[in-house]
Amino acid sequence: VQLQACGGGLVQPGGSLRLSCAPSGSIFSIGTVGWYRQAPGKRRELVAAITSSGLTNYAESVKGRFTISRDNTKNMVYLHMNSLNPDDTAAYYCNAEILTNLRTLTAYWGQGTQVTVSS
């Protein structure tokens, strides 16, 4: 099983980005998926999470600006980020609870995708 995260980049303050997380491999089902971020010198923090049924949870710092969504038909999870500010600069990681075809349940991490908010 692999998680491919992409969509990061350089954006000006006030701008928007959409991150994508694409699990692939021997997957039976995907449970809760979360987006985390880690800025230099800081601990990794949860930004947003979405359950298999669509329930969402957000960090206070991104509420009203970020939206997490999923397309279960494509095994895709997205993080729509609006009104970005320099404090959002970080490497963003997706984490997914995956039940494999062998019926093993494991949390997988994707590689980070860098988001830089700067003028």
Protein backbone atom coordinates (compact mmCIF):
# COMPACT_ATOMS: atom_id res chain seq x y z
CA VAL A 1 0.00 0.00 0.00
CA GLN A 2 1.22 3.47 -0.88
CA LEU A 3 -0.13 6.96 -0.31
CA GLN A 4 0.66 9.56 -2.90
CA ALA A 5 0.28 13.14 -1.71
CA CYS A 6 0.56 16.02 -4.12
CA GLY A 7 -0.65 19.53 -4.85
CA GLY A 8 1.71 21.63 -2.77
CA GLY A 9 3.53 24.64 -4.07
CA LEU A 10 4.31 28.31 -3.61
CA VAL A 11 1.32 30.59 -3.20
CA GLN A 12 0.84 34.21 -2.19
CA PRO A 13 -0.97 35.14 1.01
CA GLY A 14 -4.70 34.93 0.46
CA GLY A 15 -4.30 32.31 -2.22
CA SER A 16 -5.61 28.77 -2.49
CA LEU A 17 -4.30 25.29 -3.07
CA ARG A 18 -5.80 21.83 -3.27
CA LEU A 19 -3.88 18.87 -1.92
CA SER A 20 -4.66 15.33 -3.03
CA CYS A 21 -4.02 12.04 -1.28
CA ALA A 22 -4.27 8.88 -3.36
CA PRO A 23 -3.94 5.52 -1.62
CA SER A 24 -3.12 2.62 -3.91
CA GLY A 25 -2.30 -1.03 -3.65
CA SER A 26 -3.97 -4.00 -2.01
CA ILE A 27 -6.82 -2.05 -0.43
CA PHE A 28 -10.07 -3.51 0.82
CA SER A 29 -11.36 -0.34 2.45
CA ILE A 30 -10.16 3.03 3.68
CA GLY A 31 -11.15 4.38 7.05
CA THR A 32 -10.32 7.74 8.54
CA VAL A 33 -7.92 9.88 6.55
CA GLY A 34 -6.13 12.84 8.04
CA TRP A 35 -3.98 15.66 6.79
CA TYR A 36 -1.12 16.70 9.04
CA ARG A 37 1.49 19.38 8.70
CA GLN A 38 4.91 20.03 10.11
CA ALA A 39 6.73 23.32 9.96
CA PRO A 40 10.50 23.53 10.58
CA GLY A 41 11.26 23.23 14.27
CA LYS A 42 7.67 22.38 15.16
CA ARG A 43 5.80 19.21 15.97
CA ARG A 44 3.58 17.53 13.41
CA GLU A 45 -0.01 18.58 13.95
CA LEU A 46 -3.37 17.38 12.72
CA VAL A 47 -4.94 19.82 10.28
CA ALA A 48 -8.11 17.99 9.27
CA ALA A 49 -9.55 14.50 9.24
CA ILE A 50 -12.48 12.76 7.60
CA THR A 51 -14.06 9.44 8.49
CA SER A 52 -15.28 6.85 6.01
CA SER A 53 -18.80 8.16 6.47
CA GLY A 54 -17.78 11.75 5.87
CA LEU A 55 -17.57 13.18 9.37
CA THR A 56 -14.92 15.88 9.55
CA ASN A 57 -12.71 17.45 12.17
CA TYR A 58 -10.50 20.53 11.85
CA ALA A 59 -7.78 22.26 13.79
CA GLU A 60 -8.99 25.58 15.16
CA SER A 61 -6.40 27.43 13.13
CA VAL A 62 -7.85 26.28 9.80
CA LYS A 63 -11.59 26.21 10.51
CA GLY A 64 -13.48 28.19 7.93
CA ARG A 65 -10.53 28.22 5.54
CA PHE A 66 -9.75 24.56 4.85
CA THR A 67 -12.12 21.85 3.71
CA ILE A 68 -11.37 18.14 3.67
CA SER A 69 -13.35 15.90 1.34
CA ARG A 70 -13.18 12.42 -0.10
CA ASP A 71 -14.31 10.59 -3.20
CA ASN A 72 -14.76 6.99 -2.17
CA THR A 73 -15.32 5.88 -5.76
CA LYS A 74 -11.79 7.01 -6.63
CA ASN A 75 -10.10 6.39 -3.26
CA MET A 76 -9.13 10.04 -3.19
CA VAL A 77 -9.01 12.52 -0.33
CA TYR A 78 -8.59 16.24 -0.85
CA LEU A 79 -7.67 19.22 1.27
CA HIS A 80 -8.96 22.48 -0.15
CA MET A 81 -7.04 25.37 1.39
CA ASN A 82 -8.26 28.94 1.04
CA SER A 83 -7.13 32.25 2.50
CA LEU A 84 -3.66 30.87 3.03
CA ASN A 85 -1.28 32.81 5.21
CA PRO A 86 2.43 32.42 6.01
CA ASP A 87 1.61 30.44 9.17
CA ASP A 88 0.27 27.69 6.90
CA THR A 89 3.74 27.13 5.46
CA ALA A 90 4.72 23.54 6.20
CA ALA A 91 5.18 20.09 4.77
CA TYR A 92 1.75 18.47 4.57
CA TYR A 93 1.28 14.73 5.03
CA CYS A 94 -1.72 12.48 4.61
CA ASN A 95 -2.37 9.53 6.87
CA ALA A 96 -4.92 6.83 6.13
CA GLU A 97 -6.30 3.87 8.06
CA ILE A 98 -6.36 1.10 5.49
CA LEU A 99 -7.79 -2.38 5.67
CA THR A 100 -5.86 -4.39 3.15
CA ASN A 101 -7.14 -7.30 1.09
CA LEU A 102 -5.42 -9.54 3.62
CA ARG A 103 -7.65 -7.91 6.26
CA THR A 104 -4.81 -6.24 8.10
CA LEU A 105 -5.55 -2.76 9.45
CA THR A 106 -2.67 -0.32 9.34
CA ALA A 107 -2.20 3.43 9.33
CA TYR A 108 -0.08 4.54 6.41
CA TRP A 109 1.72 7.82 5.82
CA GLY A 110 2.25 9.49 2.51
CA GLN A 111 5.32 11.48 1.63
CA GLY A 112 5.10 15.16 2.42
CA THR A 113 4.11 17.84 -0.03
CA GLN A 114 5.48 21.30 0.66
CA VAL A 115 3.21 24.30 0.95
CA THR A 116 4.90 27.69 1.06
CA VAL A 117 2.89 30.86 1.53
CA SER A 118 4.94 33.91 0.73
CA SER A 119 4.75 37.14 -1.21
